[in-house]
């Protein structure tokens, strides 16, 4: 799995697109959830301040699209070795967890050219 990039000191969001509950027949879009959170862990498996148990926000009118807000105050050390853990409990009671490699970077500035 490819690592995601989360930017330091830059408000934004981490998207989760097309969440489905495969425990139902037929599968259903998860547009409501009992629990949907994201936590970023460092290489020592410690939760990172500013991105711990962040509640997912459903994107109204979509098929299972959620965003996890990242505040502009998010400021961990730049680098790799992070893991984003997403936990979901669907309305059916189905439970899922994903561990996604992550990097923290500084948002690039425009390059000066002549």
N, C-alpha and C. Protein backbone atom coordinates (compact mmCIF):
# COMPACT_ATOMS: atom_id res chain seq x y z
N UNK A 1 0.84 -1.17 0.00
CA UNK A 1 0.00 0.00 0.00
C UNK A 1 0.89 1.24 0.00
N UNK A 2 0.55 2.19 -0.85
CA UNK A 2 1.30 3.44 -0.91
C UNK A 2 1.02 4.31 0.30
N UNK A 3 2.03 5.04 0.73
CA UNK A 3 1.88 5.94 1.86
C UNK A 3 1.10 7.19 1.45
N UNK A 4 0.30 7.70 2.39
CA UNK A 4 -0.37 8.97 2.16
C UNK A 4 0.52 10.08 2.69
N UNK A 5 0.29 11.30 2.23
CA UNK A 5 1.03 12.46 2.69
C UNK A 5 0.10 13.38 3.46
N UNK A 6 0.54 13.77 4.64
CA UNK A 6 -0.21 14.73 5.45
C UNK A 6 0.72 15.92 5.67
N UNK A 7 0.19 17.12 5.44
CA UNK A 7 1.04 18.31 5.51
C UNK A 7 1.02 18.95 6.89
N UNK A 8 2.20 19.38 7.31
CA UNK A 8 2.41 20.06 8.58
C UNK A 8 1.87 21.49 8.48
N UNK A 9 1.28 21.99 9.58
CA UNK A 9 0.83 23.38 9.67
C UNK A 9 -0.03 23.82 8.49
N UNK A 10 -0.91 22.94 8.05
CA UNK A 10 -1.72 23.23 6.88
C UNK A 10 -3.08 22.56 7.06
N UNK A 11 -4.12 23.35 7.26
CA UNK A 11 -5.43 22.74 7.45
C UNK A 11 -5.84 22.01 6.17
N UNK A 12 -6.55 20.94 6.33
CA UNK A 12 -7.00 20.15 5.20
C UNK A 12 -7.81 18.98 5.69
N UNK A 13 -7.84 17.93 4.91
CA UNK A 13 -8.56 16.74 5.32
C UNK A 13 -7.95 15.52 4.66
N UNK A 14 -8.20 14.38 5.26
CA UNK A 14 -7.80 13.09 4.71
C UNK A 14 -9.08 12.42 4.22
N UNK A 15 -9.18 12.15 2.91
CA UNK A 15 -10.41 11.58 2.38
C UNK A 15 -10.47 10.05 2.51
N UNK A 16 -11.68 9.56 2.69
CA UNK A 16 -11.99 8.13 2.62
C UNK A 16 -13.17 8.03 1.67
N UNK A 17 -12.94 7.45 0.51
CA UNK A 17 -13.96 7.46 -0.55
C UNK A 17 -14.60 6.09 -0.74
N UNK A 18 -15.93 6.09 -0.90
CA UNK A 18 -16.66 4.90 -1.28
C UNK A 18 -16.73 3.81 -0.23
N UNK A 19 -16.89 4.19 1.04
CA UNK A 19 -16.95 3.20 2.11
C UNK A 19 -18.23 2.36 1.98
N UNK A 20 -18.05 1.04 1.91
CA UNK A 20 -19.18 0.12 1.79
C UNK A 20 -19.16 -0.90 2.92
N UNK A 21 -20.36 -1.35 3.30
CA UNK A 21 -20.51 -2.42 4.27
C UNK A 21 -20.71 -3.71 3.47
N UNK A 22 -19.68 -4.53 3.42
CA UNK A 22 -19.74 -5.77 2.64
C UNK A 22 -20.36 -6.91 3.42
N UNK A 23 -20.75 -6.65 4.68
CA UNK A 23 -21.40 -7.70 5.47
C UNK A 23 -22.89 -7.80 5.14
N UNK A 24 -23.40 -6.85 4.37
CA UNK A 24 -24.81 -6.88 3.97
C UNK A 24 -24.91 -7.42 2.54
N UNK A 25 -26.07 -7.96 2.20
CA UNK A 25 -26.27 -8.49 0.85
C UNK A 25 -27.53 -7.87 0.28
N UNK A 26 -27.41 -7.01 -0.71
CA UNK A 26 -26.18 -6.57 -1.36
C UNK A 26 -25.41 -5.59 -0.46
N UNK A 27 -24.13 -5.35 -0.78
CA UNK A 27 -23.35 -4.38 -0.02
C UNK A 27 -24.04 -3.00 -0.03
N UNK A 28 -23.89 -2.27 1.06
CA UNK A 28 -24.51 -0.95 1.17
C UNK A 28 -23.45 0.12 1.43
N UNK A 29 -23.72 1.34 0.94
CA UNK A 29 -22.84 2.46 1.22
C UNK A 29 -22.95 2.81 2.70
N UNK A 30 -21.84 3.14 3.31
CA UNK A 30 -21.85 3.57 4.71
C UNK A 30 -21.91 5.10 4.70
N UNK A 31 -23.13 5.61 4.84
CA UNK A 31 -23.36 7.06 4.89
C UNK A 31 -23.64 7.54 6.30
N UNK A 32 -23.81 6.60 7.22
CA UNK A 32 -23.87 6.89 8.65
C UNK A 32 -23.01 5.82 9.31
N UNK A 33 -22.45 6.13 10.44
CA UNK A 33 -21.60 5.14 11.12
C UNK A 33 -21.72 5.35 12.62
N UNK A 34 -21.69 4.25 13.35
CA UNK A 34 -21.68 4.33 14.81
C UNK A 34 -20.36 4.92 15.27
N UNK A 35 -19.28 4.55 14.58
CA UNK A 35 -17.94 5.03 14.90
C UNK A 35 -17.14 5.11 13.61
N UNK A 36 -16.50 6.23 13.39
CA UNK A 36 -15.53 6.35 12.30
C UNK A 36 -14.49 7.38 12.73
N UNK A 37 -13.29 6.89 13.03
CA UNK A 37 -12.23 7.75 13.53
C UNK A 37 -10.90 7.43 12.84
N UNK A 38 -10.01 8.41 12.90
CA UNK A 38 -8.65 8.23 12.39
C UNK A 38 -7.66 8.72 13.44
N UNK A 39 -6.60 7.96 13.62
CA UNK A 39 -5.52 8.34 14.54
C UNK A 39 -4.19 8.09 13.84
N UNK A 40 -3.31 9.09 13.91
CA UNK A 40 -1.97 8.96 13.35
C UNK A 40 -1.03 8.54 14.48
N UNK A 41 -0.24 7.50 14.21
CA UNK A 41 0.75 7.01 15.17
C UNK A 41 2.15 7.24 14.62
N UNK A 42 3.08 7.60 15.50
CA UNK A 42 4.48 7.74 15.08
C UNK A 42 5.16 6.38 15.09
N UNK A 43 6.44 6.37 14.77
CA UNK A 43 7.18 5.10 14.68
C UNK A 43 7.32 4.39 16.02
N UNK A 44 7.06 5.11 17.13
CA UNK A 44 7.08 4.50 18.47
C UNK A 44 5.68 4.06 18.91
N UNK A 45 4.73 4.09 17.97
CA UNK A 45 3.35 3.69 18.20
C UNK A 45 2.64 4.59 19.22
N UNK A 46 3.04 5.86 19.25
CA UNK A 46 2.39 6.86 20.10
C UNK A 46 1.46 7.70 19.23
N UNK A 47 0.24 7.97 19.71
CA UNK A 47 -0.69 8.83 18.98
C UNK A 47 -0.09 10.22 18.83
N UNK A 48 -0.25 10.80 17.65
CA UNK A 48 0.31 12.11 17.35
C UNK A 48 -0.71 13.20 17.69
N UNK A 49 -0.26 14.20 18.45
CA UNK A 49 -1.14 15.30 18.83
C UNK A 49 -1.70 15.99 17.58
N UNK A 50 -2.97 16.32 17.64
CA UNK A 50 -3.61 17.00 16.53
C UNK A 50 -4.30 16.07 15.55
N UNK A 51 -4.00 14.77 15.65
CA UNK A 51 -4.64 13.81 14.75
C UNK A 51 -4.85 12.49 15.49
N UNK A 52 -5.60 12.60 16.59
CA UNK A 52 -5.88 11.44 17.43
C UNK A 52 -7.38 11.33 17.65
N UNK A 53 -7.95 10.19 17.28
CA UNK A 53 -9.39 9.95 17.39
C UNK A 53 -10.22 11.04 16.72
N UNK A 54 -9.78 11.46 15.53
CA UNK A 54 -10.50 12.48 14.76
C UNK A 54 -11.72 11.83 14.13
N UNK A 55 -12.88 12.40 14.39
CA UNK A 55 -14.13 11.86 13.85
C UNK A 55 -14.24 12.16 12.35
N UNK A 56 -14.66 11.15 11.61
CA UNK A 56 -14.92 11.33 10.19
C UNK A 56 -16.18 12.15 9.98
N UNK A 57 -16.18 12.95 8.92
CA UNK A 57 -17.32 13.79 8.57
C UNK A 57 -17.87 13.28 7.24
N UNK A 58 -19.12 12.83 7.24
CA UNK A 58 -19.76 12.33 6.01
C UNK A 58 -19.98 13.48 5.04
N UNK A 59 -19.67 13.23 3.78
CA UNK A 59 -19.88 14.22 2.73
C UNK A 59 -21.28 14.03 2.14
N UNK A 60 -22.18 14.89 2.56
CA UNK A 60 -23.59 14.80 2.22
C UNK A 60 -23.80 14.58 0.72
N UNK A 61 -24.69 13.63 0.41
CA UNK A 61 -25.06 13.36 -0.97
C UNK A 61 -24.12 12.44 -1.71
N UNK A 62 -23.13 11.87 -1.02
CA UNK A 62 -22.17 10.98 -1.68
C UNK A 62 -22.48 9.53 -1.33
N UNK A 63 -21.80 8.63 -2.00
CA UNK A 63 -21.89 7.21 -1.70
C UNK A 63 -20.69 6.80 -0.85
N UNK A 64 -20.82 6.98 0.46
CA UNK A 64 -19.80 6.51 1.39
C UNK A 64 -18.52 7.32 1.44
N UNK A 65 -18.58 8.62 1.12
CA UNK A 65 -17.38 9.45 1.18
C UNK A 65 -17.31 10.20 2.50
N UNK A 66 -16.16 10.11 3.14
CA UNK A 66 -15.91 10.72 4.45
C UNK A 66 -14.62 11.52 4.41
N UNK A 67 -14.51 12.54 5.25
CA UNK A 67 -13.28 13.31 5.41
C UNK A 67 -12.90 13.34 6.89
N UNK A 68 -11.59 13.27 7.13
CA UNK A 68 -11.05 13.43 8.48
C UNK A 68 -10.32 14.77 8.51
N UNK A 69 -10.85 15.77 9.23
CA UNK A 69 -10.22 17.10 9.24
C UNK A 69 -8.84 17.08 9.90
N UNK A 70 -7.93 17.84 9.31
CA UNK A 70 -6.58 18.03 9.86
C UNK A 70 -6.47 19.52 10.19
N UNK A 71 -6.25 19.87 11.46
CA UNK A 71 -6.19 21.29 11.83
C UNK A 71 -4.88 21.94 11.40
N UNK A 72 -4.90 23.26 11.23
CA UNK A 72 -3.69 23.99 10.84
C UNK A 72 -2.61 23.92 11.92
N UNK A 73 -3.00 23.56 13.15
CA UNK A 73 -2.03 23.45 14.25
C UNK A 73 -1.28 22.12 14.24
N UNK A 74 -1.63 21.21 13.33
CA UNK A 74 -0.98 19.89 13.23
C UNK A 74 0.50 20.12 12.88
N UNK A 75 1.41 19.71 13.77
CA UNK A 75 2.82 20.05 13.58
C UNK A 75 3.78 18.99 14.13
N UNK A 76 3.64 17.72 13.71
CA UNK A 76 4.61 16.71 14.15
C UNK A 76 5.89 16.82 13.32
N UNK A 77 6.94 16.12 13.72
CA UNK A 77 8.18 16.13 12.93
C UNK A 77 7.94 15.62 11.50
N UNK A 78 8.62 16.25 10.56
CA UNK A 78 8.56 15.85 9.16
C UNK A 78 9.26 14.51 8.99
N UNK A 79 8.70 13.65 8.14
CA UNK A 79 9.34 12.39 7.83
C UNK A 79 8.35 11.26 7.63
N UNK A 80 8.88 10.07 7.52
CA UNK A 80 8.07 8.88 7.32
C UNK A 80 7.98 8.09 8.62
N UNK A 81 7.50 6.88 8.49
CA UNK A 81 7.39 6.00 9.65
C UNK A 81 6.10 6.17 10.44
N UNK A 82 5.18 6.96 9.91
CA UNK A 82 3.89 7.14 10.57
C UNK A 82 2.89 6.10 10.04
N UNK A 83 1.86 5.85 10.83
CA UNK A 83 0.77 4.96 10.43
C UNK A 83 -0.55 5.62 10.78
N UNK A 84 -1.44 5.75 9.80
CA UNK A 84 -2.78 6.25 10.04
C UNK A 84 -3.69 5.05 10.24
N UNK A 85 -4.36 4.99 11.39
CA UNK A 85 -5.27 3.88 11.68
C UNK A 85 -6.70 4.43 11.63
N UNK A 86 -7.51 3.82 10.75
CA UNK A 86 -8.91 4.21 10.59
C UNK A 86 -9.77 3.08 11.15
N UNK A 87 -10.68 3.43 12.05
CA UNK A 87 -11.61 2.47 12.65
C UNK A 87 -13.04 2.84 12.26
N UNK A 88 -13.81 1.83 11.86
CA UNK A 88 -15.20 2.04 11.44
C UNK A 88 -16.08 0.97 12.08
N UNK A 89 -17.22 1.40 12.60
CA UNK A 89 -18.29 0.49 12.97
C UNK A 89 -19.51 0.93 12.17
N UNK A 90 -19.93 0.10 11.23
CA UNK A 90 -21.06 0.40 10.35
C UNK A 90 -22.38 0.21 11.08
N UNK A 91 -23.47 0.77 10.54
CA UNK A 91 -24.78 0.60 11.18
C UNK A 91 -25.18 -0.86 11.38
N UNK A 92 -24.69 -1.77 10.53
CA UNK A 92 -25.01 -3.19 10.67
C UNK A 92 -24.28 -3.84 11.85
N UNK A 93 -23.29 -3.12 12.40
CA UNK A 93 -22.46 -3.67 13.47
C UNK A 93 -21.13 -4.20 12.95
N UNK A 94 -20.97 -4.24 11.63
CA UNK A 94 -19.70 -4.67 11.05
C UNK A 94 -18.59 -3.71 11.47
N UNK A 95 -17.42 -4.28 11.77
CA UNK A 95 -16.28 -3.49 12.24
C UNK A 95 -15.12 -3.66 11.26
N UNK A 96 -14.44 -2.55 10.99
CA UNK A 96 -13.27 -2.60 10.10
C UNK A 96 -12.17 -1.71 10.66
N UNK A 97 -10.94 -2.06 10.35
CA UNK A 97 -9.79 -1.24 10.72
C UNK A 97 -8.77 -1.32 9.61
N UNK A 98 -8.23 -0.16 9.22
CA UNK A 98 -7.17 -0.10 8.22
C UNK A 98 -5.97 0.61 8.83
N UNK A 99 -4.78 0.11 8.52
CA UNK A 99 -3.52 0.75 8.90
C UNK A 99 -2.84 1.18 7.61
N UNK A 100 -2.64 2.49 7.47
CA UNK A 100 -2.15 3.07 6.23
C UNK A 100 -0.83 3.78 6.51
N UNK A 101 0.24 3.42 5.80
CA UNK A 101 1.51 4.14 5.99
C UNK A 101 1.33 5.61 5.64
N UNK A 102 2.02 6.48 6.38
CA UNK A 102 1.88 7.92 6.15
C UNK A 102 3.21 8.63 6.31
N UNK A 103 3.33 9.74 5.60
CA UNK A 103 4.47 10.64 5.70
C UNK A 103 3.95 12.02 6.08
N UNK A 104 4.72 12.75 6.86
CA UNK A 104 4.40 14.14 7.17
C UNK A 104 5.41 14.99 6.42
N UNK A 105 4.88 15.97 5.69
CA UNK A 105 5.74 16.83 4.88
C UNK A 105 5.37 18.29 5.09
N UNK A 106 6.28 19.17 4.70
CA UNK A 106 6.01 20.60 4.67
C UNK A 106 5.44 20.89 3.29
N UNK A 107 4.33 21.62 3.25
CA UNK A 107 3.77 21.97 1.95
C UNK A 107 4.79 22.82 1.21
N UNK A 108 5.05 22.46 -0.06
CA UNK A 108 6.06 23.13 -0.86
C UNK A 108 5.72 24.57 -1.17
N UNK A 109 6.72 25.39 -1.23
CA UNK A 109 6.55 26.78 -1.63
C UNK A 109 6.81 26.89 -3.12
N UNK A 110 6.31 27.95 -3.70
CA UNK A 110 6.54 28.18 -5.14
C UNK A 110 8.04 28.32 -5.39
N UNK A 111 8.48 27.81 -6.50
CA UNK A 111 9.89 27.89 -6.87
C UNK A 111 10.12 29.18 -7.65
N UNK A 112 11.11 29.93 -7.25
CA UNK A 112 11.44 31.18 -7.94
C UNK A 112 12.13 30.86 -9.26
N UNK A 113 11.68 31.51 -10.30
CA UNK A 113 12.35 31.32 -11.59
C UNK A 113 12.54 32.67 -12.26
N UNK A 114 13.50 32.73 -13.17
CA UNK A 114 13.74 33.98 -13.88
C UNK A 114 13.41 33.85 -15.34
